[in-house]
Amino acid sequence: MRLSVSRHRNTVPKMHLFSRSWTALRTAVAELADEDFAQPSGCRGWLVRDLVCHLVIDAQDVLITLVTPADAEPTRDAITYWEVSATPPTGDDPLDALTVRLAAAYEEPRLLKFHLDDVGSAAGRAAELADPGVRVGTRGQVLTAGDYLSAYVMEWTLHHLDLVAHLPGVAGPPAEGLARSREMLEKIAGAPFPASLSDRDALLVGTGRRAPTDEEKAELGGLAARLPFVLG
């Protein structure tokens, strides 16, 4: 059944959505076959192994941020946390290239799986223990821990879609995470996506992970000219 924000009320608490989305993504990685790591991902220029290496770095960022308290008033929330660009990544950015080299250094998929499980489990536990009202600092900004973790529902959901882009047999992200991510993307866009687009397709088209069809362009109307919303 297609789920969309207009028809699906997200009843899962936002803090719990972080854990649910992150657990689903780590479970999908844990169940990958070795040969899956050499397949392309939905991130341009990255194989699945590169994406998984990026997830290790993301998990480290979560751990660092949750133990970086801030006294100042919040400057961002779960929506304004994102820097929005209209230019999709090419894979040529120095940090992207560094991720590729780091991923290659693991040599064996089992080592990547182990590191993600190790650091990722710790990040998940830290998120569960976090006080959502505590202010934390990251990227030169201040957010509440609750808003920070809510923003990461989008990160996990989009990268889960990237993970399964060329692996149709691997389970995708949870419906609740898809719905919440669509809701956040619509707030970023300042406009709803057509109800005819599933949450998955709204995210893929909205963030430039695939081009809209001619029919979808017509349904998007003026919003089509503003695509994509590339989040960084």
C-alpha atoms as a PDB file:
ATOM      1  CA  MET A   1       0.000   0.000   0.000  1.00  0.00           C
ATOM      2  CA  ARG A   2       1.366   3.409  -0.928  1.00  0.00           C
ATOM      3  CA  LEU A   3       2.021   5.671   2.026  1.00  0.00           C
ATOM      4  CA  SER A   4       2.136   9.439   1.808  1.00  0.00           C
ATOM      5  CA  VAL A   5       2.149  12.236   4.331  1.00  0.00           C
ATOM      6  CA  SER A   6      -1.359  13.304   3.422  1.00  0.00           C
ATOM      7  CA  ARG A   7      -2.749   9.825   4.119  1.00  0.00           C
ATOM      8  CA  HIS A   8      -0.395   8.436   6.758  1.00  0.00           C
ATOM      9  CA  ARG A   9      -0.109   9.958  10.219  1.00  0.00           C
ATOM     10  CA  ASN A  10       3.215   9.219  11.801  1.00  0.00           C
ATOM     11  CA  THR A  11       2.340   7.880  15.248  1.00  0.00           C
ATOM     12  CA  VAL A  12       5.886   6.871  16.247  1.00  0.00           C
ATOM     13  CA  PRO A  13       7.622   9.417  18.553  1.00  0.00           C
ATOM     14  CA  LYS A  14      10.312  11.267  16.627  1.00  0.00           C
ATOM     15  CA  MET A  15      13.084  10.245  19.027  1.00  0.00           C
ATOM     16  CA  HIS A  16      12.113   6.601  18.509  1.00  0.00           C
ATOM     17  CA  LEU A  17      12.141   7.070  14.764  1.00  0.00           C
ATOM     18  CA  PHE A  18      15.881   7.655  14.922  1.00  0.00           C
ATOM     19  CA  SER A  19      16.421   4.266  16.558  1.00  0.00           C
ATOM     20  CA  ARG A  20      13.976   2.478  14.288  1.00  0.00           C
ATOM     21  CA  SER A  21      15.467   3.952  11.106  1.00  0.00           C
ATOM     22  CA  TRP A  22      19.061   3.385  12.239  1.00  0.00           C
ATOM     23  CA  THR A  23      18.408  -0.190  13.352  1.00  0.00           C
ATOM     24  CA  ALA A  24      16.727  -1.018  10.035  1.00  0.00           C
ATOM     25  CA  LEU A  25      19.646   0.412   8.066  1.00  0.00           C
ATOM     26  CA  ARG A  26      22.291  -1.423  10.109  1.00  0.00           C
ATOM     27  CA  THR A  27      20.306  -4.653   9.835  1.00  0.00           C
ATOM     28  CA  ALA A  28      20.162  -4.294   6.053  1.00  0.00           C
ATOM     29  CA  VAL A  29      23.949  -3.838   5.916  1.00  0.00           C
ATOM     30  CA  ALA A  30      24.530  -6.819   8.210  1.00  0.00           C
ATOM     31  CA  GLU A  31      22.513  -9.040   5.872  1.00  0.00           C
ATOM     32  CA  LEU A  32      24.366  -8.032   2.673  1.00  0.00           C
ATOM     33  CA  ALA A  33      26.280 -10.677   0.776  1.00  0.00           C
ATOM     34  CA  ASP A  34      29.963  -9.961   0.189  1.00  0.00           C
ATOM     35  CA  GLU A  35      29.379  -9.401  -3.519  1.00  0.00           C
ATOM     36  CA  ASP A  36      26.793  -6.698  -2.738  1.00  0.00           C
ATOM     37  CA  PHE A  37      29.542  -4.403  -1.463  1.00  0.00           C
ATOM     38  CA  ALA A  38      30.941  -4.093  -4.999  1.00  0.00           C
ATOM     39  CA  GLN A  39      27.586  -2.984  -6.451  1.00  0.00           C
ATOM     40  CA  PRO A  40      26.859   0.695  -7.170  1.00  0.00           C
ATOM     41  CA  SER A  41      24.911   2.606  -4.549  1.00  0.00           C
ATOM     42  CA  GLY A  42      22.433   5.416  -5.032  1.00  0.00           C
ATOM     43  CA  CYS A  43      25.188   7.935  -4.201  1.00  0.00           C
ATOM     44  CA  ARG A  44      26.867   9.037  -7.399  1.00  0.00           C
ATOM     45  CA  GLY A  45      30.449   7.762  -7.605  1.00  0.00           C
ATOM     46  CA  TRP A  46      30.107   5.453  -4.598  1.00  0.00           C
ATOM     47  CA  LEU A  47      29.886   1.693  -4.388  1.00  0.00           C
ATOM     48  CA  VAL A  48      27.915   0.089  -1.578  1.00  0.00           C
ATOM     49  CA  ARG A  49      31.168  -0.367   0.371  1.00  0.00           C
ATOM     50  CA  ASP A  50      31.828   3.385   0.140  1.00  0.00           C
ATOM     51  CA  LEU A  51      28.340   4.157   1.407  1.00  0.00           C
ATOM     52  CA  VAL A  52      28.775   1.768   4.345  1.00  0.00           C
ATOM     53  CA  CYS A  53      32.083   3.439   5.197  1.00  0.00           C
ATOM     54  CA  HIS A  54      30.257   6.769   5.176  1.00  0.00           C
ATOM     55  CA  LEU A  55      27.716   5.323   7.619  1.00  0.00           C
ATOM     56  CA  VAL A  56      30.579   4.491   9.995  1.00  0.00           C
ATOM     57  CA  ILE A  57      31.648   8.141   9.824  1.00  0.00           C
ATOM     58  CA  ASP A  58      28.033   9.259  10.356  1.00  0.00           C
ATOM     59  CA  ALA A  59      27.823   7.086  13.466  1.00  0.00           C
ATOM     60  CA  GLN A  60      31.007   8.686  14.796  1.00  0.00           C
ATOM     61  CA  ASP A  61      29.494  12.125  14.153  1.00  0.00           C
ATOM     62  CA  VAL A  62      26.404  11.178  16.171  1.00  0.00           C
ATOM     63  CA  LEU A  63      28.548  10.044  19.088  1.00  0.00           C
ATOM     64  CA  ILE A  64      30.670  13.209  18.979  1.00  0.00           C
ATOM     65  CA  THR A  65      27.682  15.528  18.728  1.00  0.00           C
ATOM     66  CA  LEU A  66      25.751  13.944  21.590  1.00  0.00           C
ATOM     67  CA  VAL A  67      28.694  14.534  23.946  1.00  0.00           C
ATOM     68  CA  THR A  68      29.307  18.099  22.751  1.00  0.00           C
ATOM     69  CA  PRO A  69      27.086  20.241  24.998  1.00  0.00           C
ATOM     70  CA  ALA A  70      26.297  23.839  24.116  1.00  0.00           C
ATOM     71  CA  ASP A  71      25.072  26.681  26.328  1.00  0.00           C
ATOM     72  CA  ALA A  72      23.848  29.006  23.581  1.00  0.00           C
ATOM     73  CA  GLU A  73      20.286  29.171  22.306  1.00  0.00           C
ATOM     74  CA  PRO A  74      19.540  26.801  19.406  1.00  0.00           C
ATOM     75  CA  THR A  75      20.368  28.253  16.000  1.00  0.00           C
ATOM     76  CA  ARG A  76      18.869  25.372  13.969  1.00  0.00           C
ATOM     77  CA  ASP A  77      16.124  22.793  14.266  1.00  0.00           C
ATOM     78  CA  ALA A  78      15.472  19.454  12.539  1.00  0.00           C
ATOM     79  CA  ILE A  79      14.518  21.219   9.303  1.00  0.00           C
ATOM     80  CA  THR A  80      16.985  24.114   9.172  1.00  0.00           C
ATOM     81  CA  TYR A  81      19.826  21.764  10.168  1.00  0.00           C
ATOM     82  CA  TRP A  82      20.226  20.957   6.482  1.00  0.00           C
ATOM     83  CA  GLU A  83      22.265  23.000   4.039  1.00  0.00           C
ATOM     84  CA  VAL A  84      20.279  22.878   0.803  1.00  0.00           C
ATOM     85  CA  SER A  85      21.844  23.001  -2.647  1.00  0.00           C
ATOM     86  CA  ALA A  86      20.524  22.497  -6.163  1.00  0.00           C
ATOM     87  CA  THR A  87      23.701  20.727  -7.296  1.00  0.00           C
ATOM     88  CA  PRO A  88      23.882  16.941  -6.844  1.00  0.00           C
ATOM     89  CA  PRO A  89      27.252  15.583  -5.674  1.00  0.00           C
ATOM     90  CA  THR A  90      29.552  14.229  -8.374  1.00  0.00           C
ATOM     91  CA  GLY A  91      31.739  12.068  -6.145  1.00  0.00           C
ATOM     92  CA  ASP A  92      34.736  14.306  -6.890  1.00  0.00           C
ATOM     93  CA  ASP A  93      34.638  16.232  -3.600  1.00  0.00           C
ATOM     94  CA  PRO A  94      37.853  15.619  -1.581  1.00  0.00           C
ATOM     95  CA  LEU A  95      35.905  14.237   1.387  1.00  0.00           C
ATOM     96  CA  ASP A  96      33.934  11.924  -0.902  1.00  0.00           C
ATOM     97  CA  ALA A  97      37.187  10.730  -2.440  1.00  0.00           C
ATOM     98  CA  LEU A  98      38.650  10.162   1.030  1.00  0.00           C
ATOM     99  CA  THR A  99      35.662   7.976   1.902  1.00  0.00           C
ATOM    100  CA  VAL A 100      36.351   5.830  -1.162  1.00  0.00           C
ATOM    101  CA  ARG A 101      39.977   5.353  -0.110  1.00  0.00           C
ATOM    102  CA  LEU A 102      38.988   4.513   3.452  1.00  0.00           C
ATOM    103  CA  ALA A 103      36.441   1.977   2.261  1.00  0.00           C
ATOM    104  CA  ALA A 104      39.015   0.280   0.041  1.00  0.00           C
ATOM    105  CA  ALA A 105      41.372  -0.004   3.014  1.00  0.00           C
ATOM    106  CA  TYR A 106      38.968  -2.371   4.767  1.00  0.00           C
ATOM    107  CA  GLU A 107      39.585  -4.918   1.968  1.00  0.00           C
ATOM    108  CA  GLU A 108      37.035  -7.411   3.344  1.00  0.00           C
ATOM    109  CA  PRO A 109      33.303  -6.653   3.695  1.00  0.00           C
ATOM    110  CA  ARG A 110      33.185  -8.410   7.070  1.00  0.00           C
ATOM    111  CA  LEU A 111      35.539  -5.780   8.505  1.00  0.00           C
ATOM    112  CA  LEU A 112      33.241  -2.982   7.366  1.00  0.00           C
ATOM    113  CA  LYS A 113      30.251  -4.837   8.805  1.00  0.00           C
ATOM    114  CA  PHE A 114      32.046  -5.281  12.115  1.00  0.00           C
ATOM    115  CA  HIS A 115      33.054  -1.622  12.376  1.00  0.00           C
ATOM    116  CA  LEU A 116      29.563  -0.381  11.513  1.00  0.00           C
ATOM    117  CA  ASP A 117      27.995  -2.741  14.027  1.00  0.00           C
ATOM    118  CA  ASP A 118      30.479  -1.692  16.710  1.00  0.00           C
ATOM    119  CA  VAL A 119      30.300   2.078  16.280  1.00  0.00           C
ATOM    120  CA  GLY A 120      26.703   2.053  15.054  1.00  0.00           C
ATOM    121  CA  SER A 121      25.450   0.163  18.101  1.00  0.00           C
ATOM    122  CA  ALA A 122      27.187   2.679  20.349  1.00  0.00           C
ATOM    123  CA  ALA A 123      25.584   5.579  18.475  1.00  0.00           C
ATOM    124  CA  GLY A 124      22.203   3.920  18.823  1.00  0.00           C
ATOM    125  CA  ARG A 125      22.644   3.473  22.587  1.00  0.00           C
ATOM    126  CA  ALA A 126      23.803   7.075  22.971  1.00  0.00           C
ATOM    127  CA  ALA A 127      20.707   8.280  21.134  1.00  0.00           C
ATOM    128  CA  GLU A 128      18.417   6.256  23.392  1.00  0.00           C
ATOM    129  CA  LEU A 129      20.086   7.721  26.489  1.00  0.00           C
ATOM    130  CA  ALA A 130      20.092  11.324  25.238  1.00  0.00           C
ATOM    131  CA  ASP A 131      17.891  13.963  26.842  1.00  0.00           C
ATOM    132  CA  PRO A 132      15.982  15.446  23.871  1.00  0.00           C
ATOM    133  CA  GLY A 133      16.015  18.889  25.463  1.00  0.00           C
ATOM    134  CA  VAL A 134      19.791  19.105  25.914  1.00  0.00           C
ATOM    135  CA  ARG A 135      21.524  21.514  23.544  1.00  0.00           C
ATOM    136  CA  VAL A 136      24.377  20.151  21.478  1.00  0.00           C
ATOM    137  CA  GLY A 137      26.824  21.694  19.049  1.00  0.00           C
ATOM    138  CA  THR A 138      27.693  20.475  15.567  1.00  0.00           C
ATOM    139  CA  ARG A 139      28.944  22.079  12.350  1.00  0.00           C
ATOM    140  CA  GLY A 140      29.155  25.436  14.128  1.00  0.00           C
ATOM    141  CA  GLN A 141      25.455  25.349  15.010  1.00  0.00           C
ATOM    142  CA  VAL A 142      23.413  24.605  18.144  1.00  0.00           C
ATOM    143  CA  LEU A 143      20.394  22.280  18.235  1.00  0.00           C
ATOM    144  CA  THR A 144      18.522  20.337  20.847  1.00  0.00           C
ATOM    145  CA  ALA A 145      19.494  16.673  20.866  1.00  0.00           C
ATOM    146  CA  GLY A 146      15.908  15.845  19.904  1.00  0.00           C
ATOM    147  CA  ASP A 147      16.047  18.017  16.785  1.00  0.00           C
ATOM    148  CA  TYR A 148      19.474  16.677  15.866  1.00  0.00           C
ATOM    149  CA  LEU A 149      18.334  13.066  16.080  1.00  0.00           C
ATOM    150  CA  SER A 150      15.118  13.892  14.242  1.00  0.00           C
ATOM    151  CA  ALA A 151      17.163  15.388  11.404  1.00  0.00           C
ATOM    152  CA  TYR A 152      19.125  12.156  11.212  1.00  0.00           C
ATOM    153  CA  VAL A 153      15.949  10.214  10.436  1.00  0.00           C
ATOM    154  CA  MET A 154      16.252  11.855   7.025  1.00  0.00           C
ATOM    155  CA  GLU A 155      19.939  10.908   6.786  1.00  0.00           C
ATOM    156  CA  TRP A 156      19.290   7.254   7.596  1.00  0.00           C
ATOM    157  CA  THR A 157      16.245   7.023   5.339  1.00  0.00           C
ATOM    158  CA  LEU A 158      17.910   8.558   2.291  1.00  0.00           C
ATOM    159  CA  HIS A 159      21.027   6.440   2.718  1.00  0.00           C
ATOM    160  CA  HIS A 160      18.889   3.341   3.169  1.00  0.00           C
ATOM    161  CA  LEU A 161      17.349   4.157  -0.216  1.00  0.00           C
ATOM    162  CA  ASP A 162      20.889   4.617  -1.566  1.00  0.00           C
ATOM    163  CA  LEU A 163      21.903   1.242  -0.153  1.00  0.00           C
ATOM    164  CA  VAL A 164      19.110  -0.685  -1.882  1.00  0.00           C
ATOM    165  CA  ALA A 165      19.120   1.325  -5.132  1.00  0.00           C
ATOM    166  CA  HIS A 166      20.665  -1.580  -7.085  1.00  0.00           C
ATOM    167  CA  LEU A 167      19.900  -4.350  -4.606  1.00  0.00           C
ATOM    168  CA  PRO A 168      16.192  -5.106  -5.097  1.00  0.00           C
ATOM    169  CA  GLY A 169      16.291  -8.105  -2.777  1.00  0.00           C
ATOM    170  CA  VAL A 170      17.361  -6.056   0.249  1.00  0.00           C
ATOM    171  CA  ALA A 171      14.706  -4.603   2.561  1.00  0.00           C
ATOM    172  CA  GLY A 172      14.204  -0.858   2.315  1.00  0.00           C
ATOM    173  CA  PRO A 173      13.633   1.743   5.031  1.00  0.00           C
ATOM    174  CA  PRO A 174      10.661   1.572   7.419  1.00  0.00           C
ATOM    175  CA  ALA A 175       7.420   3.212   6.327  1.00  0.00           C
ATOM    176  CA  GLU A 176       7.460   5.552   9.335  1.00  0.00           C
ATOM    177  CA  GLY A 177      10.910   6.852   8.420  1.00  0.00           C
ATOM    178  CA  LEU A 178       9.861   7.380   4.805  1.00  0.00           C
ATOM    179  CA  ALA A 179       6.776   9.313   5.872  1.00  0.00           C
ATOM    180  CA  ARG A 180       8.671  11.496   8.355  1.00  0.00           C
ATOM    181  CA  SER A 181      11.443  12.191   5.827  1.00  0.00           C
ATOM    182  CA  ARG A 182       8.886  13.197   3.210  1.00  0.00           C
ATOM    183  CA  GLU A 183       7.278  15.520   5.751  1.00  0.00           C
ATOM    184  CA  MET A 184      10.655  17.146   6.474  1.00  0.00           C
ATOM    185  CA  LEU A 185      11.503  17.461   2.774  1.00  0.00           C
ATOM    186  CA  GLU A 186       8.163  19.133   2.100  1.00  0.00           C
ATOM    187  CA  LYS A 187       8.898  21.645   4.861  1.00  0.00           C
ATOM    188  CA  ILE A 188      12.311  22.294   3.313  1.00  0.00           C
ATOM    189  CA  ALA A 189      10.682  22.744  -0.087  1.00  0.00           C
ATOM    190  CA  GLY A 190       7.905  24.896   1.336  1.00  0.00           C
ATOM    191  CA  ALA A 191       5.367  22.905  -0.657  1.00  0.00           C
ATOM    192  CA  PRO A 192       3.829  19.419  -0.663  1.00  0.00           C
ATOM    193  CA  PHE A 193       4.708  16.807  -3.236  1.00  0.00           C
ATOM    194  CA  PRO A 194       1.784  15.373  -5.220  1.00  0.00           C
ATOM    195  CA  ALA A 195      -0.225  12.733  -3.370  1.00  0.00           C
ATOM    196  CA  SER A 196       0.250  10.491  -6.409  1.00  0.00           C
ATOM    197  CA  LEU A 197       3.934  10.164  -5.498  1.00  0.00           C
ATOM    198  CA  SER A 198       4.718   7.534  -2.872  1.00  0.00           C
ATOM    199  CA  ASP A 199       6.903   8.642   0.018  1.00  0.00           C
ATOM    200  CA  ARG A 200       9.806   6.736  -1.539  1.00  0.00           C
ATOM    201  CA  ASP A 201       9.392   8.366  -4.947  1.00  0.00           C
ATOM    202  CA  ALA A 202       8.896  11.818  -3.439  1.00  0.00           C
ATOM    203  CA  LEU A 203      12.244  11.458  -1.665  1.00  0.00           C
ATOM    204  CA  LEU A 204      14.069  10.044  -4.685  1.00  0.00           C
ATOM    205  CA  VAL A 205      12.750  12.710  -7.052  1.00  0.00           C
ATOM    206  CA  GLY A 206      12.863  15.526  -4.518  1.00  0.00           C
ATOM    207  CA  THR A 207      16.522  14.987  -3.634  1.00  0.00           C
ATOM    208  CA  GLY A 208      17.682  14.343  -7.205  1.00  0.00           C
ATOM    209  CA  ARG A 209      18.272  10.630  -6.779  1.00  0.00           C
ATOM    210  CA  ARG A 210      16.232  10.043  -9.902  1.00  0.00           C
ATOM    211  CA  ALA A 211      14.718  12.302 -12.537  1.00  0.00           C
ATOM    212  CA  PRO A 212      10.941  12.734 -12.567  1.00  0.00           C
ATOM    213  CA  THR A 213       8.995  11.202 -15.426  1.00  0.00           C
ATOM    214  CA  ASP A 214       7.086  13.500 -17.779  1.00  0.00           C
ATOM    215  CA  GLU A 215       3.882  12.598 -15.951  1.00  0.00           C
ATOM    216  CA  GLU A 216       5.461  13.365 -12.590  1.00  0.00           C
ATOM    217  CA  LYS A 217       6.758  16.717 -13.889  1.00  0.00           C
ATOM    218  CA  ALA A 218       3.250  17.678 -14.881  1.00  0.00           C
ATOM    219  CA  GLU A 219       1.932  16.715 -11.445  1.00  0.00           C
ATOM    220  CA  LEU A 220       4.742  18.578  -9.699  1.00  0.00           C
ATOM    221  CA  GLY A 221       3.860  21.783 -11.509  1.00  0.00           C
ATOM    222  CA  GLY A 222       6.001  24.758 -10.499  1.00  0.00           C
ATOM    223  CA  LEU A 223       7.847  22.629  -7.938  1.00  0.00           C
ATOM    224  CA  ALA A 224       9.513  20.696 -10.767  1.00  0.00           C
ATOM    225  CA  ALA A 225      11.574  23.746 -11.737  1.00  0.00           C
ATOM    226  CA  ARG A 226      12.986  23.963  -8.195  1.00  0.00           C
ATOM    227  CA  LEU A 227      14.251  20.395  -8.052  1.00  0.00           C
ATOM    228  CA  PRO A 228      16.416  18.897  -6.737  1.00  0.00           C
ATOM    229  CA  PHE A 229      16.776  19.752  -3.066  1.00  0.00           C
ATOM    230  CA  VAL A 230      20.227  18.349  -2.324  1.00  0.00           C
ATOM    231  CA  LEU A 231      20.777  18.080   1.427  1.00  0.00           C
ATOM    232  CA  GLY A 232      24.167  18.360   3.033  1.00  0.00           C
END
